Amino acid sequence: MLTEQEVNHIATLARLELPDELRKRMQKDLSSILDFVAQLERVDTSDVEPLYQVTGLQNATRADGLERPWPMDPGLADLLVGQAPHKHDRYVKVKSVKKK
């Protein structure tokens, strides 16, 4: 069973503020998860081939290339910028991004 200090440390690393009632539940739930992982680690998988994917698809990607040119004329630019809730001249105006 995880100790309360270990749960506090995990919460700090995850930058979570846990109320006391949730902290007790997390202590029990995390311990249960870790116990299950420990049980899985005891399973003998020495004769099991690794399974990387199950669909059989290989290299299912499209060719990387220009599909068609997108002509950007002033009318289209005005139409796109005109849909923004806030604009200045021909630019979309957004709030500044603040660091926490």
Protein backbone atom coordinates (compact mmCIF):
# COMPACT_ATOMS: atom_id res chain seq x y z
CA MET A 1 0.00 0.00 0.00
CA LEU A 2 1.31 3.42 -0.92
CA THR A 3 1.99 5.73 1.98
CA GLU A 4 0.33 9.10 2.31
CA GLN A 5 3.71 10.75 1.68
CA GLU A 6 4.08 8.84 -1.62
CA VAL A 7 0.61 9.94 -2.73
CA ASN A 8 1.49 13.53 -1.79
CA HIS A 9 4.69 13.26 -3.81
CA ILE A 10 2.85 11.87 -6.85
CA ALA A 11 0.26 14.65 -6.57
CA THR A 12 3.03 17.24 -6.39
CA LEU A 13 4.75 15.79 -9.46
CA ALA A 14 1.44 15.84 -11.34
CA ARG A 15 0.73 19.35 -10.03
CA LEU A 16 -2.57 18.23 -8.54
CA GLU A 17 -4.23 19.59 -5.46
CA LEU A 18 -6.05 16.72 -3.80
CA PRO A 19 -8.59 17.24 -1.00
CA ASP A 20 -8.21 14.86 1.94
CA GLU A 21 -11.13 12.58 0.95
CA LEU A 22 -9.80 12.25 -2.59
CA ARG A 23 -6.26 11.72 -1.31
CA LYS A 24 -7.39 8.65 0.69
CA ARG A 25 -9.21 7.26 -2.36
CA MET A 26 -6.17 7.87 -4.59
CA GLN A 27 -3.97 6.07 -2.05
CA LYS A 28 -6.20 3.01 -2.31
CA ASP A 29 -6.71 3.21 -6.12
CA LEU A 30 -3.05 3.80 -6.99
CA SER A 31 -2.00 0.96 -4.70
CA SER A 32 -4.49 -1.32 -6.43
CA ILE A 33 -3.14 -0.35 -9.86
CA LEU A 34 0.46 -0.92 -8.79
CA ASP A 35 -0.48 -4.30 -7.29
CA PHE A 36 -2.07 -5.31 -10.60
CA VAL A 37 1.03 -4.21 -12.54
CA ALA A 38 3.18 -6.26 -10.17
CA GLN A 39 0.91 -9.25 -10.84
CA LEU A 40 1.33 -8.76 -14.61
CA GLU A 41 5.12 -8.59 -14.20
CA ARG A 42 5.07 -12.10 -12.68
CA VAL A 43 3.45 -13.62 -15.79
CA ASP A 44 5.85 -15.73 -17.85
CA THR A 45 5.93 -14.24 -21.34
CA SER A 46 9.21 -15.78 -22.48
CA ASP A 47 7.51 -17.86 -25.22
CA VAL A 48 5.23 -15.05 -26.44
CA GLU A 49 6.09 -13.25 -29.68
CA PRO A 50 5.84 -9.45 -29.49
CA LEU A 51 2.65 -8.09 -31.05
CA TYR A 52 3.17 -4.70 -32.63
CA GLN A 53 -0.17 -4.26 -34.37
CA VAL A 54 -3.18 -6.40 -35.22
CA THR A 55 -4.65 -4.96 -38.41
CA GLY A 56 -2.10 -6.26 -40.90
CA LEU A 57 -1.83 -2.82 -42.49
CA GLN A 58 1.63 -1.71 -43.48
CA ASN A 59 2.61 1.78 -44.55
CA ALA A 60 -0.98 2.93 -44.84
CA THR A 61 -0.08 6.54 -45.56
CA ARG A 62 -0.84 8.89 -48.39
CA ALA A 63 1.80 10.32 -50.63
CA ASP A 64 3.25 13.53 -49.29
CA GLY A 65 2.75 16.17 -51.91
CA LEU A 66 0.86 19.26 -52.89
CA GLU A 67 -2.73 18.28 -53.60
CA ARG A 68 -3.81 21.53 -55.20
CA PRO A 69 -2.78 25.13 -54.86
CA TRP A 70 -4.91 27.30 -52.62
CA PRO A 71 -5.06 30.73 -54.22
CA MET A 72 -5.17 33.40 -51.55
CA ASP A 73 -6.71 36.47 -53.06
CA PRO A 74 -7.82 39.59 -51.16
CA GLY A 75 -11.49 38.59 -51.39
CA LEU A 76 -10.84 35.22 -49.74
CA ALA A 77 -8.63 36.82 -47.08
CA ASP A 78 -11.37 39.35 -46.29
CA LEU A 79 -13.92 36.56 -46.09
CA LEU A 80 -11.79 34.48 -43.70
CA VAL A 81 -10.76 37.39 -41.46
CA GLY A 82 -14.31 38.73 -41.59
CA GLN A 83 -15.53 35.61 -39.73
CA ALA A 84 -13.31 36.32 -36.71
CA PRO A 85 -15.07 37.90 -33.71
CA HIS A 86 -12.26 40.45 -33.25
CA LYS A 87 -10.08 41.88 -36.00
CA HIS A 88 -7.74 44.76 -36.70
CA ASP A 89 -7.22 45.76 -40.34
CA ARG A 90 -6.71 42.44 -42.13
CA TYR A 91 -5.52 40.48 -39.07
CA VAL A 92 -7.37 38.36 -36.51
CA LYS A 93 -7.05 39.87 -33.04
CA VAL A 94 -6.54 37.41 -30.15
CA LYS A 95 -5.82 37.69 -26.44
CA SER A 96 -2.20 37.56 -25.36
CA VAL A 97 -0.81 34.28 -24.08
CA LYS A 98 0.32 34.50 -20.45
CA LYS A 99 2.70 32.13 -18.74
CA LYS A 100 1.64 30.69 -15.40
